[in-house]
Amino acid sequence: FLAVGNIKWEKNYTDLILAFNNIKNKIPNKAQLHCAGRYFTENDKIAITELINKCELNDRVIMLGSVDDVEALYRKAKIYVLSSLNEGMPNALLEAMSNGIPSISSNWPGVSNIISNNENGMIVPLKDIGALSEKMLELYNNEELRHQLSKNSYLEVNKNFSEKIVAQKWLDTLNQI
């Protein structure tokens, strides 16, 4: 599992770690959650570290900090998870999908503009740790579903969110002003 983004309350890493904790005994011990991003505050670092320790996940939740080569993480990732409470334009989600990584996202306002649930990704209710755990386990255990979501997410992002498409949408909008 992979999550990418600054470690701060809006990104809701707490629920992601708790969801992973719920499934840790149902997946192989080698399965890990890798989180790439810098801690926004020292309090964020303390809270996340304490949670990892409390859940005894030190060897399974890997806090990577800032990463220069995020593409290398995407190439290795099996599943991408975005547990945010809110997003603007979720670049990391779009990057993951453009790399064909099957993705699970919380249902923040606007996610349905990117993910069609169970077609090119999975959407779970905000702050629903049980639903997030369930979808993480389902996707982990279902290779056929991962393949289908991977293919569809790649096609969706390259059809609607490529640099050329987004630039043209901006030009069209500006020309209407």
Protein backbone atom coordinates (compact mmCIF):
# COMPACT_ATOMS: atom_id res chain seq x y z
CA PHE A 1 0.00 0.00 0.00
CA LEU A 2 1.17 3.53 -0.74
CA ALA A 3 0.07 6.98 0.41
CA VAL A 4 1.74 10.18 -0.76
CA GLY A 5 1.25 13.64 0.72
CA ASN A 6 2.28 15.86 3.59
CA ILE A 7 1.58 14.30 6.96
CA LYS A 8 -1.06 16.63 8.41
CA TRP A 9 -4.54 16.30 9.85
CA GLU A 10 -6.36 17.04 6.55
CA LYS A 11 -4.67 14.03 4.96
CA ASN A 12 -6.11 11.82 7.72
CA TYR A 13 -3.22 9.37 7.99
CA THR A 14 -4.63 8.31 11.36
CA ASP A 15 -7.60 6.57 9.73
CA LEU A 16 -5.35 5.02 7.09
CA ILE A 17 -3.04 3.54 9.73
CA LEU A 18 -6.00 2.29 11.77
CA ALA A 19 -7.52 0.72 8.63
CA PHE A 20 -4.21 -1.00 7.88
CA ASN A 21 -4.08 -2.17 11.49
CA ASN A 22 -7.53 -3.74 11.04
CA ILE A 23 -6.31 -5.90 8.16
CA LYS A 24 -2.72 -6.62 9.23
CA ASN A 25 -3.56 -10.16 10.36
CA LYS A 26 -5.49 -10.91 7.17
CA ILE A 27 -2.65 -10.13 4.76
CA PRO A 28 0.91 -11.50 4.54
CA ASN A 29 3.45 -10.11 7.02
CA LYS A 30 5.51 -8.78 4.12
CA ALA A 31 2.67 -6.42 3.14
CA GLN A 32 3.42 -2.88 4.24
CA LEU A 33 1.98 0.61 4.15
CA HIS A 34 4.50 3.14 2.81
CA CYS A 35 3.75 6.82 3.50
CA ALA A 36 5.75 9.41 1.60
CA GLY A 37 5.63 13.03 2.70
CA ARG A 38 7.01 15.39 5.27
CA TYR A 39 5.42 15.97 8.64
CA PHE A 40 3.62 19.30 8.63
CA THR A 41 4.20 19.90 12.34
CA GLU A 42 6.08 18.24 15.17
CA ASN A 43 2.72 17.40 16.75
CA ASP A 44 1.74 15.50 13.60
CA LYS A 45 4.96 13.50 13.84
CA ILE A 46 4.40 12.70 17.51
CA ALA A 47 0.78 11.65 16.98
CA ILE A 48 1.53 9.39 14.00
CA THR A 49 4.59 7.84 15.68
CA GLU A 50 2.61 7.14 18.85
CA LEU A 51 -0.21 5.55 16.83
CA ILE A 52 2.21 3.30 14.92
CA ASN A 53 3.82 2.24 18.19
CA LYS A 54 0.47 1.65 19.92
CA CYS A 55 -0.70 -0.57 17.04
CA GLU A 56 2.67 -2.35 16.96
CA LEU A 57 3.11 -1.54 13.28
CA ASN A 58 6.74 -0.34 13.36
CA ASP A 59 7.84 -2.97 10.84
CA ARG A 60 4.75 -2.63 8.62
CA VAL A 61 4.02 1.12 8.41
CA ILE A 62 7.01 2.80 6.84
CA MET A 63 7.15 6.58 7.13
CA LEU A 64 9.48 7.60 4.30
CA GLY A 65 9.55 11.35 4.81
CA SER A 66 10.15 13.55 1.78
CA VAL A 67 11.00 11.48 -1.27
CA ASP A 68 12.84 12.84 -4.31
CA ASP A 69 11.85 10.04 -6.69
CA VAL A 70 8.13 9.49 -6.10
CA GLU A 71 7.87 7.82 -9.51
CA ALA A 72 9.98 4.96 -8.17
CA LEU A 73 7.41 4.47 -5.39
CA TYR A 74 4.56 4.44 -7.90
CA ARG A 75 6.37 1.81 -9.98
CA LYS A 76 6.57 -0.50 -6.94
CA ALA A 77 3.11 0.18 -5.48
CA LYS A 78 0.34 -2.39 -5.62
CA ILE A 79 -2.43 -0.15 -4.23
CA TYR A 80 -2.65 3.61 -3.64
CA VAL A 81 -4.77 4.97 -0.76
CA LEU A 82 -5.89 8.56 -0.23
CA SER A 83 -7.65 8.99 3.12
CA SER A 84 -7.93 12.78 3.00
CA LEU A 85 -10.76 14.73 4.56
CA ASN A 86 -10.53 17.33 1.80
CA GLU A 87 -8.54 17.93 -1.37
CA GLY A 88 -8.23 20.61 -4.01
CA MET A 89 -6.70 18.93 -7.04
CA PRO A 90 -5.23 15.69 -5.70
CA ASN A 91 -1.99 15.51 -7.66
CA ALA A 92 -0.72 12.37 -5.93
CA LEU A 93 -3.98 10.52 -6.69
CA LEU A 94 -3.79 11.58 -10.34
CA GLU A 95 -0.12 10.57 -10.49
CA ALA A 96 -0.92 7.16 -9.01
CA MET A 97 -3.79 6.62 -11.43
CA SER A 98 -1.69 7.78 -14.38
CA ASN A 99 0.80 5.09 -13.38
CA GLY A 100 -2.01 2.53 -13.44
CA ILE A 101 -2.09 1.99 -9.68
CA PRO A 102 -5.51 0.86 -8.47
CA SER A 103 -6.62 3.48 -5.98
CA ILE A 104 -8.93 3.88 -3.02
CA SER A 105 -10.01 7.35 -1.95
CA SER A 106 -12.15 8.80 0.79
CA ASN A 107 -15.24 10.61 -0.49
CA TRP A 108 -14.07 14.21 -0.20
CA PRO A 109 -15.98 16.83 -2.25
CA GLY A 110 -14.94 16.46 -5.88
CA VAL A 111 -13.51 12.94 -5.84
CA SER A 112 -16.34 11.73 -8.09
CA ASN A 113 -14.97 14.05 -10.79
CA ILE A 114 -11.94 11.76 -10.90
CA ILE A 115 -13.03 8.33 -9.67
CA SER A 116 -16.10 6.46 -10.84
CA ASN A 117 -16.61 4.09 -7.92
CA ASN A 118 -15.67 0.49 -8.72
CA GLU A 119 -14.87 1.42 -12.33
CA ASN A 120 -11.52 3.23 -12.19
CA GLY A 121 -11.03 3.28 -8.42
CA MET A 122 -12.85 2.84 -5.15
CA ILE A 123 -14.47 5.49 -2.98
CA VAL A 124 -15.19 5.05 0.74
CA PRO A 125 -17.13 7.36 3.07
CA LEU A 126 -15.12 9.98 4.93
CA LYS A 127 -13.76 8.81 8.29
CA ASP A 128 -15.19 5.31 7.86
CA ILE A 129 -12.25 3.19 9.00
CA GLY A 130 -14.24 -0.04 8.61
CA ALA A 131 -15.14 0.69 4.99
CA LEU A 132 -11.57 1.71 4.23
CA SER A 133 -10.26 -1.51 5.79
CA GLU A 134 -12.76 -3.56 3.82
CA LYS A 135 -11.82 -1.99 0.48
CA MET A 136 -8.10 -2.25 1.19
CA LEU A 137 -8.48 -5.96 1.94
CA GLU A 138 -10.78 -6.57 -1.02
CA LEU A 139 -8.40 -4.89 -3.44
CA TYR A 140 -5.36 -6.59 -1.93
CA ASN A 141 -6.95 -10.03 -2.33
CA ASN A 142 -8.48 -9.53 -5.78
CA GLU A 143 -5.86 -9.43 -8.52
CA GLU A 144 -8.46 -9.32 -11.29
CA LEU A 145 -10.12 -6.26 -9.73
CA ARG A 146 -6.74 -4.55 -9.28
CA HIS A 147 -5.96 -5.17 -12.95
CA GLN A 148 -9.33 -3.78 -14.10
CA LEU A 149 -9.11 -0.67 -11.93
CA SER A 150 -5.50 -0.17 -12.99
CA LYS A 151 -6.37 -0.24 -16.67
CA ASN A 152 -9.40 2.01 -16.27
CA SER A 153 -7.64 4.53 -14.03
CA TYR A 154 -4.78 4.86 -16.50
CA LEU A 155 -7.23 5.45 -19.36
CA GLU A 156 -9.34 7.95 -17.34
CA VAL A 157 -6.43 10.11 -16.26
CA ASN A 158 -4.82 10.15 -19.69
CA LYS A 159 -8.17 10.95 -21.32
CA ASN A 160 -9.27 13.74 -18.97
CA PHE A 161 -6.30 14.94 -16.92
CA SER A 162 -3.24 14.90 -19.17
CA GLU A 163 -1.21 18.09 -19.32
CA LYS A 164 -2.47 18.81 -22.83
CA ILE A 165 -6.13 18.27 -21.91
CA VAL A 166 -5.93 20.39 -18.74
CA ALA A 167 -4.13 23.21 -20.60
CA GLN A 168 -6.84 23.17 -23.27
CA LYS A 169 -9.59 23.27 -20.61
CA TRP A 170 -7.91 26.33 -19.08
CA LEU A 171 -7.63 28.03 -22.48
CA ASP A 172 -11.29 27.29 -23.24
CA THR A 173 -12.33 28.74 -19.87
CA LEU A 174 -10.19 31.86 -20.31
CA ASN A 175 -11.55 32.39 -23.82
CA GLN A 176 -15.08 32.42 -22.40
CA ILE A 177 -14.27 35.35 -20.11
